[in-house]
Amino acid sequence: MARDYITHRKDGWKNAKHRQQWENTLTTYVYPIIGNKQPHEITTDDVLKVLQQDHERAEKKGTLWTNARETGSRTRMRIQQRGALITPMIRKELRR
């Protein structure tokens, strides 16, 4: 489903790098956790699992959301654009 979205949207994106970033983000962070679900099946808990997965950068451990905030934010946006609804509950949970 996400690959179809990328295929249909890629011509409207500024450059090939943007497409690659979409593919990399989804492959690295989203597909391993919720890649087998259709967009309408994705729940708030699923999105939180993606954003709260373990992440390490520069020997600093945390979650994707806390350790790589920009990547986490883009990942959330990309899940949302695939058709999943991002509710205020997700934002509330991430602020904890």
PDB file of N, CA and C in Angstrom:
ATOM      1  N   MET A   1       0.819  -1.188   0.000  1.00  0.00           N
ATOM      2  CA  MET A   1       0.000   0.000   0.000  1.00  0.00           C
ATOM      3  C   MET A   1       0.871   1.264   0.000  1.00  0.00           C
ATOM      4  N   ALA A   2       1.870   1.319   0.857  1.00  0.00           N
ATOM      5  CA  ALA A   2       2.738   2.499   0.916  1.00  0.00           C
ATOM      6  C   ALA A   2       3.566   2.627  -0.352  1.00  0.00           C
ATOM      7  N   ARG A   3       3.985   1.502  -0.891  1.00  0.00           N
ATOM      8  CA  ARG A   3       4.762   1.543  -2.140  1.00  0.00           C
ATOM      9  C   ARG A   3       3.911   2.121  -3.278  1.00  0.00           C
ATOM     10  N   ASP A   4       2.624   1.776  -3.280  1.00  0.00           N
ATOM     11  CA  ASP A   4       1.707   2.344  -4.270  1.00  0.00           C
ATOM     12  C   ASP A   4       1.587   3.851  -4.083  1.00  0.00           C
ATOM     13  N   TYR A   5       1.503   4.274  -2.831  1.00  0.00           N
ATOM     14  CA  TYR A   5       1.403   5.705  -2.531  1.00  0.00           C
ATOM     15  C   TYR A   5       2.637   6.430  -3.078  1.00  0.00           C
ATOM     16  N   ILE A   6       3.816   5.874  -2.812  1.00  0.00           N
ATOM     17  CA  ILE A   6       5.056   6.486  -3.280  1.00  0.00           C
ATOM     18  C   ILE A   6       5.076   6.548  -4.798  1.00  0.00           C
ATOM     19  N   THR A   7       4.698   5.453  -5.443  1.00  0.00           N
ATOM     20  CA  THR A   7       4.690   5.396  -6.905  1.00  0.00           C
ATOM     21  C   THR A   7       3.778   6.470  -7.491  1.00  0.00           C
ATOM     22  N   HIS A   8       2.607   6.656  -6.903  1.00  0.00           N
ATOM     23  CA  HIS A   8       1.655   7.634  -7.428  1.00  0.00           C
ATOM     24  C   HIS A   8       2.017   9.073  -7.104  1.00  0.00           C
ATOM     25  N   ARG A   9       2.758   9.279  -6.043  1.00  0.00           N
ATOM     26  CA  ARG A   9       3.103  10.636  -5.616  1.00  0.00           C
ATOM     27  C   ARG A   9       4.467  11.116  -6.096  1.00  0.00           C
ATOM     28  N   LYS A  10       5.329  10.217  -6.490  1.00  0.00           N
ATOM     29  CA  LYS A  10       6.734  10.568  -6.744  1.00  0.00           C
ATOM     30  C   LYS A  10       6.928  11.670  -7.779  1.00  0.00           C
ATOM     31  N   ASP A  11       6.065  11.742  -8.772  1.00  0.00           N
ATOM     32  CA  ASP A  11       6.233  12.773  -9.799  1.00  0.00           C
ATOM     33  C   ASP A  11       5.985  14.178  -9.268  1.00  0.00           C
ATOM     34  N   GLY A  12       5.255  14.288  -8.176  1.00  0.00           N
ATOM     35  CA  GLY A  12       4.989  15.592  -7.585  1.00  0.00           C
ATOM     36  C   GLY A  12       6.043  16.042  -6.590  1.00  0.00           C
ATOM     37  N   TRP A  13       6.962  15.154  -6.254  1.00  0.00           N
ATOM     38  CA  TRP A  13       8.013  15.490  -5.303  1.00  0.00           C
ATOM     39  C   TRP A  13       9.168  16.189  -6.005  1.00  0.00           C
ATOM     40  N   LYS A  14       9.887  17.003  -5.250  1.00  0.00           N
ATOM     41  CA  LYS A  14      10.932  17.848  -5.829  1.00  0.00           C
ATOM     42  C   LYS A  14      12.078  17.068  -6.454  1.00  0.00           C
ATOM     43  N   ASN A  15      12.483  15.977  -5.822  1.00  0.00           N
ATOM     44  CA  ASN A  15      13.650  15.266  -6.337  1.00  0.00           C
ATOM     45  C   ASN A  15      13.669  13.804  -5.895  1.00  0.00           C
ATOM     46  N   ALA A  16      14.603  13.061  -6.457  1.00  0.00           N
ATOM     47  CA  ALA A  16      14.724  11.634  -6.150  1.00  0.00           C
ATOM     48  C   ALA A  16      15.114  11.398  -4.695  1.00  0.00           C
ATOM     49  N   LYS A  17      15.817  12.339  -4.104  1.00  0.00           N
ATOM     50  CA  LYS A  17      16.227  12.197  -2.704  1.00  0.00           C
ATOM     51  C   LYS A  17      15.001  12.115  -1.790  1.00  0.00           C
ATOM     52  N   HIS A  18      14.002  12.906  -2.085  1.00  0.00           N
ATOM     53  CA  HIS A  18      12.780  12.895  -1.283  1.00  0.00           C
ATOM     54  C   HIS A  18      12.109  11.520  -1.345  1.00  0.00           C
ATOM     55  N   ARG A  19      12.038  10.967  -2.529  1.00  0.00           N
ATOM     56  CA  ARG A  19      11.460   9.624  -2.684  1.00  0.00           C
ATOM     57  C   ARG A  19      12.269   8.608  -1.879  1.00  0.00           C
ATOM     58  N   GLN A  20      13.583   8.697  -1.961  1.00  0.00           N
ATOM     59  CA  GLN A  20      14.443   7.766  -1.238  1.00  0.00           C
ATOM     60  C   GLN A  20      14.255   7.891   0.267  1.00  0.00           C
ATOM     61  N   GLN A  21      14.074   9.111   0.749  1.00  0.00           N
ATOM     62  CA  GLN A  21      13.842   9.319   2.181  1.00  0.00           C
ATOM     63  C   GLN A  21      12.542   8.651   2.618  1.00  0.00           C
ATOM     64  N   TRP A  22      11.504   8.774   1.805  1.00  0.00           N
ATOM     65  CA  TRP A  22      10.238   8.105   2.114  1.00  0.00           C
ATOM     66  C   TRP A  22      10.453   6.598   2.209  1.00  0.00           C
ATOM     67  N   GLU A  23      11.078   6.039   1.199  1.00  0.00           N
ATOM     68  CA  GLU A  23      11.292   4.591   1.168  1.00  0.00           C
ATOM     69  C   GLU A  23      12.140   4.128   2.345  1.00  0.00           C
ATOM     70  N   ASN A  24      13.207   4.852   2.645  1.00  0.00           N
ATOM     71  CA  ASN A  24      14.095   4.474   3.748  1.00  0.00           C
ATOM     72  C   ASN A  24      13.382   4.530   5.100  1.00  0.00           C
ATOM     73  N   THR A  25      12.636   5.601   5.328  1.00  0.00           N
ATOM     74  CA  THR A  25      11.933   5.746   6.593  1.00  0.00           C
ATOM     75  C   THR A  25      10.929   4.616   6.797  1.00  0.00           C
ATOM     76  N   LEU A  26      10.147   4.340   5.778  1.00  0.00           N
ATOM     77  CA  LEU A  26       9.143   3.285   5.903  1.00  0.00           C
ATOM     78  C   LEU A  26       9.788   1.914   6.050  1.00  0.00           C
ATOM     79  N   THR A  27      10.836   1.652   5.280  1.00  0.00           N
ATOM     80  CA  THR A  27      11.514   0.358   5.353  1.00  0.00           C
ATOM     81  C   THR A  27      12.174   0.142   6.707  1.00  0.00           C
ATOM     82  N   THR A  28      12.800   1.169   7.224  1.00  0.00           N
ATOM     83  CA  THR A  28      13.543   1.045   8.478  1.00  0.00           C
ATOM     84  C   THR A  28      12.637   1.021   9.708  1.00  0.00           C
ATOM     85  N   TYR A  29      11.658   1.891   9.754  1.00  0.00           N
ATOM     86  CA  TYR A  29      10.898   2.080  10.987  1.00  0.00           C
ATOM     87  C   TYR A  29       9.455   1.562  10.958  1.00  0.00           C
ATOM     88  N   VAL A  30       8.808   1.614   9.819  1.00  0.00           N
ATOM     89  CA  VAL A  30       7.375   1.306   9.770  1.00  0.00           C
ATOM     90  C   VAL A  30       7.091  -0.136   9.386  1.00  0.00           C
ATOM     91  N   TYR A  31       7.634  -0.585   8.271  1.00  0.00           N
ATOM     92  CA  TYR A  31       7.306  -1.937   7.785  1.00  0.00           C
ATOM     93  C   TYR A  31       7.574  -3.042   8.799  1.00  0.00           C
ATOM     94  N   PRO A  32       8.677  -3.002   9.546  1.00  0.00           N
ATOM     95  CA  PRO A  32       8.903  -4.092  10.507  1.00  0.00           C
ATOM     96  C   PRO A  32       7.823  -4.192  11.589  1.00  0.00           C
ATOM     97  N   ILE A  33       7.120  -3.115  11.861  1.00  0.00           N
ATOM     98  CA  ILE A  33       6.141  -3.110  12.947  1.00  0.00           C
ATOM     99  C   ILE A  33       4.707  -3.186  12.428  1.00  0.00           C
ATOM    100  N   ILE A  34       4.378  -2.416  11.412  1.00  0.00           N
ATOM    101  CA  ILE A  34       2.990  -2.403  10.935  1.00  0.00           C
ATOM    102  C   ILE A  34       2.886  -2.558   9.419  1.00  0.00           C
ATOM    103  N   GLY A  35       3.931  -3.025   8.799  1.00  0.00           N
ATOM    104  CA  GLY A  35       3.945  -3.131   7.348  1.00  0.00           C
ATOM    105  C   GLY A  35       2.941  -4.095   6.754  1.00  0.00           C
ATOM    106  N   ASN A  36       2.442  -5.018   7.550  1.00  0.00           N
ATOM    107  CA  ASN A  36       1.482  -5.988   7.040  1.00  0.00           C
ATOM    108  C   ASN A  36       0.032  -5.525   7.176  1.00  0.00           C
ATOM    109  N   LYS A  37      -0.188  -4.316   7.678  1.00  0.00           N
ATOM    110  CA  LYS A  37      -1.544  -3.809   7.889  1.00  0.00           C
ATOM    111  C   LYS A  37      -1.966  -2.870   6.768  1.00  0.00           C
ATOM    112  N   GLN A  38      -3.247  -2.880   6.490  1.00  0.00           N
ATOM    113  CA  GLN A  38      -3.832  -1.899   5.581  1.00  0.00           C
ATOM    114  C   GLN A  38      -3.990  -0.593   6.356  1.00  0.00           C
ATOM    115  N   PRO A  39      -3.972   0.544   5.671  1.00  0.00           N
ATOM    116  CA  PRO A  39      -4.083   1.819   6.392  1.00  0.00           C
ATOM    117  C   PRO A  39      -5.282   1.900   7.341  1.00  0.00           C
ATOM    118  N   HIS A  40      -6.421   1.376   6.944  1.00  0.00           N
ATOM    119  CA  HIS A  40      -7.607   1.463   7.806  1.00  0.00           C
ATOM    120  C   HIS A  40      -7.503   0.561   9.040  1.00  0.00           C
ATOM    121  N   GLU A  41      -6.529  -0.339   9.064  1.00  0.00           N
ATOM    122  CA  GLU A  41      -6.334  -1.227  10.205  1.00  0.00           C
ATOM    123  C   GLU A  41      -5.357  -0.665  11.235  1.00  0.00           C
ATOM    124  N   ILE A  42      -4.659   0.387  10.890  1.00  0.00           N
ATOM    125  CA  ILE A  42      -3.639   0.952  11.776  1.00  0.00           C
ATOM    126  C   ILE A  42      -4.307   1.735  12.893  1.00  0.00           C
ATOM    127  N   THR A  43      -3.925   1.397  14.116  1.00  0.00           N
ATOM    128  CA  THR A  43      -4.505   2.030  15.293  1.00  0.00           C
ATOM    129  C   THR A  43      -3.524   3.017  15.922  1.00  0.00           C
ATOM    130  N   THR A  44      -4.022   3.748  16.887  1.00  0.00           N
ATOM    131  CA  THR A  44      -3.171   4.650  17.657  1.00  0.00           C
ATOM    132  C   THR A  44      -2.029   3.881  18.297  1.00  0.00           C
ATOM    133  N   ASP A  45      -2.344   2.727  18.865  1.00  0.00           N
ATOM    134  CA  ASP A  45      -1.307   1.908  19.504  1.00  0.00           C
ATOM    135  C   ASP A  45      -0.231   1.486  18.505  1.00  0.00           C
ATOM    136  N   ASP A  46      -0.632   1.182  17.287  1.00  0.00           N
ATOM    137  CA  ASP A  46       0.343   0.804  16.256  1.00  0.00           C
ATOM    138  C   ASP A  46       1.309   1.954  15.971  1.00  0.00           C
ATOM    139  N   VAL A  47       0.766   3.138  15.824  1.00  0.00           N
ATOM    140  CA  VAL A  47       1.610   4.309  15.538  1.00  0.00           C
ATOM    141  C   VAL A  47       2.550   4.566  16.710  1.00  0.00           C
ATOM    142  N   LEU A  48       2.029   4.427  17.917  1.00  0.00           N
ATOM    143  CA  LEU A  48       2.879   4.617  19.096  1.00  0.00           C
ATOM    144  C   LEU A  48       3.995   3.581  19.146  1.00  0.00           C
ATOM    145  N   LYS A  49       3.714   2.335  18.760  1.00  0.00           N
ATOM    146  CA  LYS A  49       4.754   1.305  18.721  1.00  0.00           C
ATOM    147  C   LYS A  49       5.874   1.707  17.773  1.00  0.00           C
ATOM    148  N   VAL A  50       5.501   2.265  16.633  1.00  0.00           N
ATOM    149  CA  VAL A  50       6.516   2.713  15.671  1.00  0.00           C
ATOM    150  C   VAL A  50       7.353   3.828  16.277  1.00  0.00           C
ATOM    151  N   LEU A  51       6.710   4.819  16.832  1.00  0.00           N
ATOM    152  CA  LEU A  51       7.416   6.001  17.327  1.00  0.00           C
ATOM    153  C   LEU A  51       8.169   5.752  18.632  1.00  0.00           C
ATOM    154  N   GLN A  52       7.745   4.747  19.376  1.00  0.00           N
ATOM    155  CA  GLN A  52       8.396   4.462  20.648  1.00  0.00           C
ATOM    156  C   GLN A  52       9.348   3.268  20.569  1.00  0.00           C
ATOM    157  N   GLN A  53       9.645   2.825  19.351  1.00  0.00           N
ATOM    158  CA  GLN A  53      10.595   1.726  19.225  1.00  0.00           C
ATOM    159  C   GLN A  53      11.988   2.193  19.632  1.00  0.00           C
ATOM    160  N   ASP A  54      12.800   1.240  20.080  1.00  0.00           N
ATOM    161  CA  ASP A  54      14.160   1.560  20.493  1.00  0.00           C
ATOM    162  C   ASP A  54      14.936   2.190  19.347  1.00  0.00           C
ATOM    163  N   HIS A  55      15.719   3.186  19.697  1.00  0.00           N
ATOM    164  CA  HIS A  55      16.527   3.881  18.698  1.00  0.00           C
ATOM    165  C   HIS A  55      17.834   4.308  19.358  1.00  0.00           C
ATOM    166  N   GLU A  56      18.918   4.121  18.647  1.00  0.00           N
ATOM    167  CA  GLU A  56      20.220   4.527  19.166  1.00  0.00           C
ATOM    168  C   GLU A  56      20.920   5.377  18.120  1.00  0.00           C
ATOM    169  N   ARG A  57      21.454   6.497  18.588  1.00  0.00           N
ATOM    170  CA  ARG A  57      22.187   7.389  17.696  1.00  0.00           C
ATOM    171  C   ARG A  57      23.316   8.015  18.489  1.00  0.00           C
ATOM    172  N   ALA A  58      24.494   7.949  17.917  1.00  0.00           N
ATOM    173  CA  ALA A  58      25.683   8.490  18.578  1.00  0.00           C
ATOM    174  C   ALA A  58      25.802   7.946  19.999  1.00  0.00           C
ATOM    175  N   GLU A  59      25.577   6.656  20.136  1.00  0.00           N
ATOM    176  CA  GLU A  59      25.671   5.941  21.410  1.00  0.00           C
ATOM    177  C   GLU A  59      24.650   6.408  22.448  1.00  0.00           C
ATOM    178  N   LYS A  60      23.682   7.175  22.030  1.00  0.00           N
ATOM    179  CA  LYS A  60      22.610   7.609  22.918  1.00  0.00           C
ATOM    180  C   LYS A  60      21.393   6.733  22.643  1.00  0.00           C
ATOM    181  N   LYS A  61      20.868   6.105  23.689  1.00  0.00           N
ATOM    182  CA  LYS A  61      19.723   5.225  23.535  1.00  0.00           C
ATOM    183  C   LYS A  61      18.445   5.935  23.955  1.00  0.00           C
ATOM    184  N   GLY A  62      17.374   5.625  23.250  1.00  0.00           N
ATOM    185  CA  GLY A  62      16.071   6.193  23.557  1.00  0.00           C
ATOM    186  C   GLY A  62      15.050   5.596  22.613  1.00  0.00           C
ATOM    187  N   THR A  63      14.013   6.358  22.322  1.00  0.00           N
ATOM    188  CA  THR A  63      13.019   5.928  21.345  1.00  0.00           C
ATOM    189  C   THR A  63      13.239   6.722  20.059  1.00  0.00           C
ATOM    190  N   LEU A  64      12.602   6.271  19.004  1.00  0.00           N
ATOM    191  CA  LEU A  64      12.677   7.024  17.751  1.00  0.00           C
ATOM    192  C   LEU A  64      12.179   8.445  17.983  1.00  0.00           C
ATOM    193  N   TRP A  65      11.099   8.579  18.741  1.00  0.00           N
ATOM    194  CA  TRP A  65      10.512   9.899  18.972  1.00  0.00           C
ATOM    195  C   TRP A  65      11.419  10.811  19.796  1.00  0.00           C
ATOM    196  N   THR A  66      12.080  10.272  20.809  1.00  0.00           N
ATOM    197  CA  THR A  66      12.897  11.117  21.683  1.00  0.00           C
ATOM    198  C   THR A  66      14.327  11.273  21.196  1.00  0.00           C
ATOM    199  N   ASN A  67      14.814  10.289  20.469  1.00  0.00           N
ATOM    200  CA  ASN A  67      16.223  10.272  20.081  1.00  0.00           C
ATOM    201  C   ASN A  67      16.468  10.863  18.691  1.00  0.00           C
ATOM    202  N   ALA A  68      15.467  10.811  17.853  1.00  0.00           N
ATOM    203  CA  ALA A  68      15.588  11.332  16.487  1.00  0.00           C
ATOM    204  C   ALA A  68      14.281  12.050  16.171  1.00  0.00           C
ATOM    205  N   ARG A  69      14.074  13.160  16.811  1.00  0.00           N
ATOM    206  CA  ARG A  69      12.790  13.855  16.777  1.00  0.00           C
ATOM    207  C   ARG A  69      12.329  14.191  15.364  1.00  0.00           C
ATOM    208  N   GLU A  70      13.221  14.677  14.540  1.00  0.00           N
ATOM    209  CA  GLU A  70      12.850  15.029  13.166  1.00  0.00           C
ATOM    210  C   GLU A  70      12.439  13.787  12.381  1.00  0.00           C
ATOM    211  N   THR A  71      13.200  12.715  12.512  1.00  0.00           N
ATOM    212  CA  THR A  71      12.865  11.464  11.828  1.00  0.00           C
ATOM    213  C   THR A  71      11.548  10.920  12.369  1.00  0.00           C
ATOM    214  N   GLY A  72      11.355  10.969  13.671  1.00  0.00           N
ATOM    215  CA  GLY A  72      10.105  10.517  14.268  1.00  0.00           C
ATOM    216  C   GLY A  72       8.913  11.306  13.762  1.00  0.00           C
ATOM    217  N   SER A  73       9.069  12.607  13.679  1.00  0.00           N
ATOM    218  CA  SER A  73       8.002  13.464  13.197  1.00  0.00           C
ATOM    219  C   SER A  73       7.673  13.165  11.740  1.00  0.00           C
ATOM    220  N   ARG A  74       8.686  13.001  10.923  1.00  0.00           N
ATOM    221  CA  ARG A  74       8.463  12.671   9.505  1.00  0.00           C
ATOM    222  C   ARG A  74       7.841  11.290   9.349  1.00  0.00           C
ATOM    223  N   THR A  75       8.257  10.356  10.193  1.00  0.00           N
ATOM    224  CA  THR A  75       7.690   9.013  10.142  1.00  0.00           C
ATOM    225  C   THR A  75       6.204   9.071  10.473  1.00  0.00           C
ATOM    226  N   ARG A  76       5.848   9.806  11.516  1.00  0.00           N
ATOM    227  CA  ARG A  76       4.443   9.966  11.894  1.00  0.00           C
ATOM    228  C   ARG A  76       3.642  10.584  10.753  1.00  0.00           C
ATOM    229  N   MET A  77       4.188  11.608  10.127  1.00  0.00           N
ATOM    230  CA  MET A  77       3.526  12.273   9.019  1.00  0.00           C
ATOM    231  C   MET A  77       3.338  11.316   7.846  1.00  0.00           C
ATOM    232  N   ARG A  78       4.332  10.483   7.593  1.00  0.00           N
ATOM    233  CA  ARG A  78       4.241   9.557   6.470  1.00  0.00           C
ATOM    234  C   ARG A  78       3.223   8.459   6.727  1.00  0.00           C
ATOM    235  N   ILE A  79       3.106   8.028   7.950  1.00  0.00           N
ATOM    236  CA  ILE A  79       2.054   7.061   8.286  1.00  0.00           C
ATOM    237  C   ILE A  79       0.693   7.718   8.075  1.00  0.00           C
ATOM    238  N   GLN A  80       0.569   8.942   8.529  1.00  0.00           N
ATOM    239  CA  GLN A  80      -0.687   9.674   8.385  1.00  0.00           C
ATOM    240  C   GLN A  80      -1.047   9.843   6.911  1.00  0.00           C
ATOM    241  N   GLN A  81      -0.107  10.185   6.088  1.00  0.00           N
ATOM    242  CA  GLN A  81      -0.380  10.405   4.675  1.00  0.00           C
ATOM    243  C   GLN A  81      -0.709   9.118   3.941  1.00  0.00           C
ATOM    244  N   ARG A  82      -0.304   7.988   4.502  1.00  0.00           N
ATOM    245  CA  ARG A  82      -0.673   6.696   3.907  1.00  0.00           C
ATOM    246  C   ARG A  82      -2.142   6.395   4.133  1.00  0.00           C
ATOM    247  N   GLY A  83      -2.799   7.160   4.971  1.00  0.00           N
ATOM    248  CA  GLY A  83      -4.213   6.961   5.172  1.00  0.00           C
ATOM    249  C   GLY A  83      -4.605   6.673   6.609  1.00  0.00           C
ATOM    250  N   ALA A  84      -3.638   6.454   7.477  1.00  0.00           N
ATOM    251  CA  ALA A  84      -3.967   6.201   8.881  1.00  0.00           C
ATOM    252  C   ALA A  84      -4.315   7.525   9.543  1.00  0.00           C
ATOM    253  N   LEU A  85      -5.262   7.495  10.445  1.00  0.00           N
ATOM    254  CA  LEU A  85      -5.649   8.702  11.161  1.00  0.00           C
ATOM    255  C   LEU A  85      -4.749   8.894  12.365  1.00  0.00           C
ATOM    256  N   ILE A  86      -4.154  10.050  12.460  1.00  0.00           N
ATOM    257  CA  ILE A  86      -3.330  10.388  13.616  1.00  0.00           C
ATOM    258  C   ILE A  86      -4.191  11.259  14.527  1.00  0.00           C
ATOM    259  N   THR A  87      -4.504  10.748  15.655  1.00  0.00           N
ATOM    260  CA  THR A  87      -5.421  11.447  16.553  1.00  0.00           C
ATOM    261  C   THR A  87      -4.656  12.258  17.590  1.00  0.00           C
ATOM    262  N   PRO A  88      -5.353  13.161  18.242  1.00  0.00           N
ATOM    263  CA  PRO A  88      -4.715  13.912  19.323  1.00  0.00           C
ATOM    264  C   PRO A  88      -4.191  13.005  20.430  1.00  0.00           C
ATOM    265  N   MET A  89      -4.766  11.797  20.555  1.00  0.00           N
ATOM    266  CA  MET A  89      -4.290  10.867  21.575  1.00  0.00           C
ATOM    267  C   MET A  89      -2.826  10.503  21.370  1.00  0.00           C
ATOM    268  N   ILE A  90      -2.408  10.380  20.133  1.00  0.00           N
ATOM    269  CA  ILE A  90      -1.010  10.038  19.854  1.00  0.00           C
ATOM    270  C   ILE A  90      -0.114  11.161  20.351  1.00  0.00           C
ATOM    271  N   ARG A  91      -0.456  12.374  20.041  1.00  0.00           N
ATOM    272  CA  ARG A  91       0.355  13.496  20.501  1.00  0.00           C
ATOM    273  C   ARG A  91       0.418  13.523  22.033  1.00  0.00           C
ATOM    274  N   LYS A  92      -0.712  13.261  22.660  1.00  0.00           N
ATOM    275  CA  LYS A  92      -0.769  13.240  24.117  1.00  0.00           C
ATOM    276  C   LYS A  92       0.159  12.159  24.676  1.00  0.00           C
ATOM    277  N   GLU A  93       0.118  10.967  24.096  1.00  0.00           N
ATOM    278  CA  GLU A  93       0.953   9.854  24.558  1.00  0.00           C
ATOM    279  C   GLU A  93       2.437  10.176  24.371  1.00  0.00           C
ATOM    280  N   LEU A  94       2.785  10.826  23.298  1.00  0.00           N
ATOM    281  CA  LEU A  94       4.192  11.119  23.019  1.00  0.00           C
ATOM    282  C   LEU A  94       4.749  12.193  23.944  1.00  0.00           C
ATOM    283  N   ARG A  95       3.906  12.997  24.507  1.00  0.00           N
ATOM    284  CA  ARG A  95       4.367  14.069  25.420  1.00  0.00           C
ATOM    285  C   ARG A  95       4.647  13.565  26.816  1.00  0.00           C
ATOM    286  N   ARG A  96       4.262  12.343  27.105  1.00  0.00           N
ATOM    287  CA  ARG A  96       4.484  11.787  28.449  1.00  0.00           C
ATOM    288  C   ARG A  96       5.941  11.663  28.769  1.00  0.00           C
TER     289      ARG A  96
END
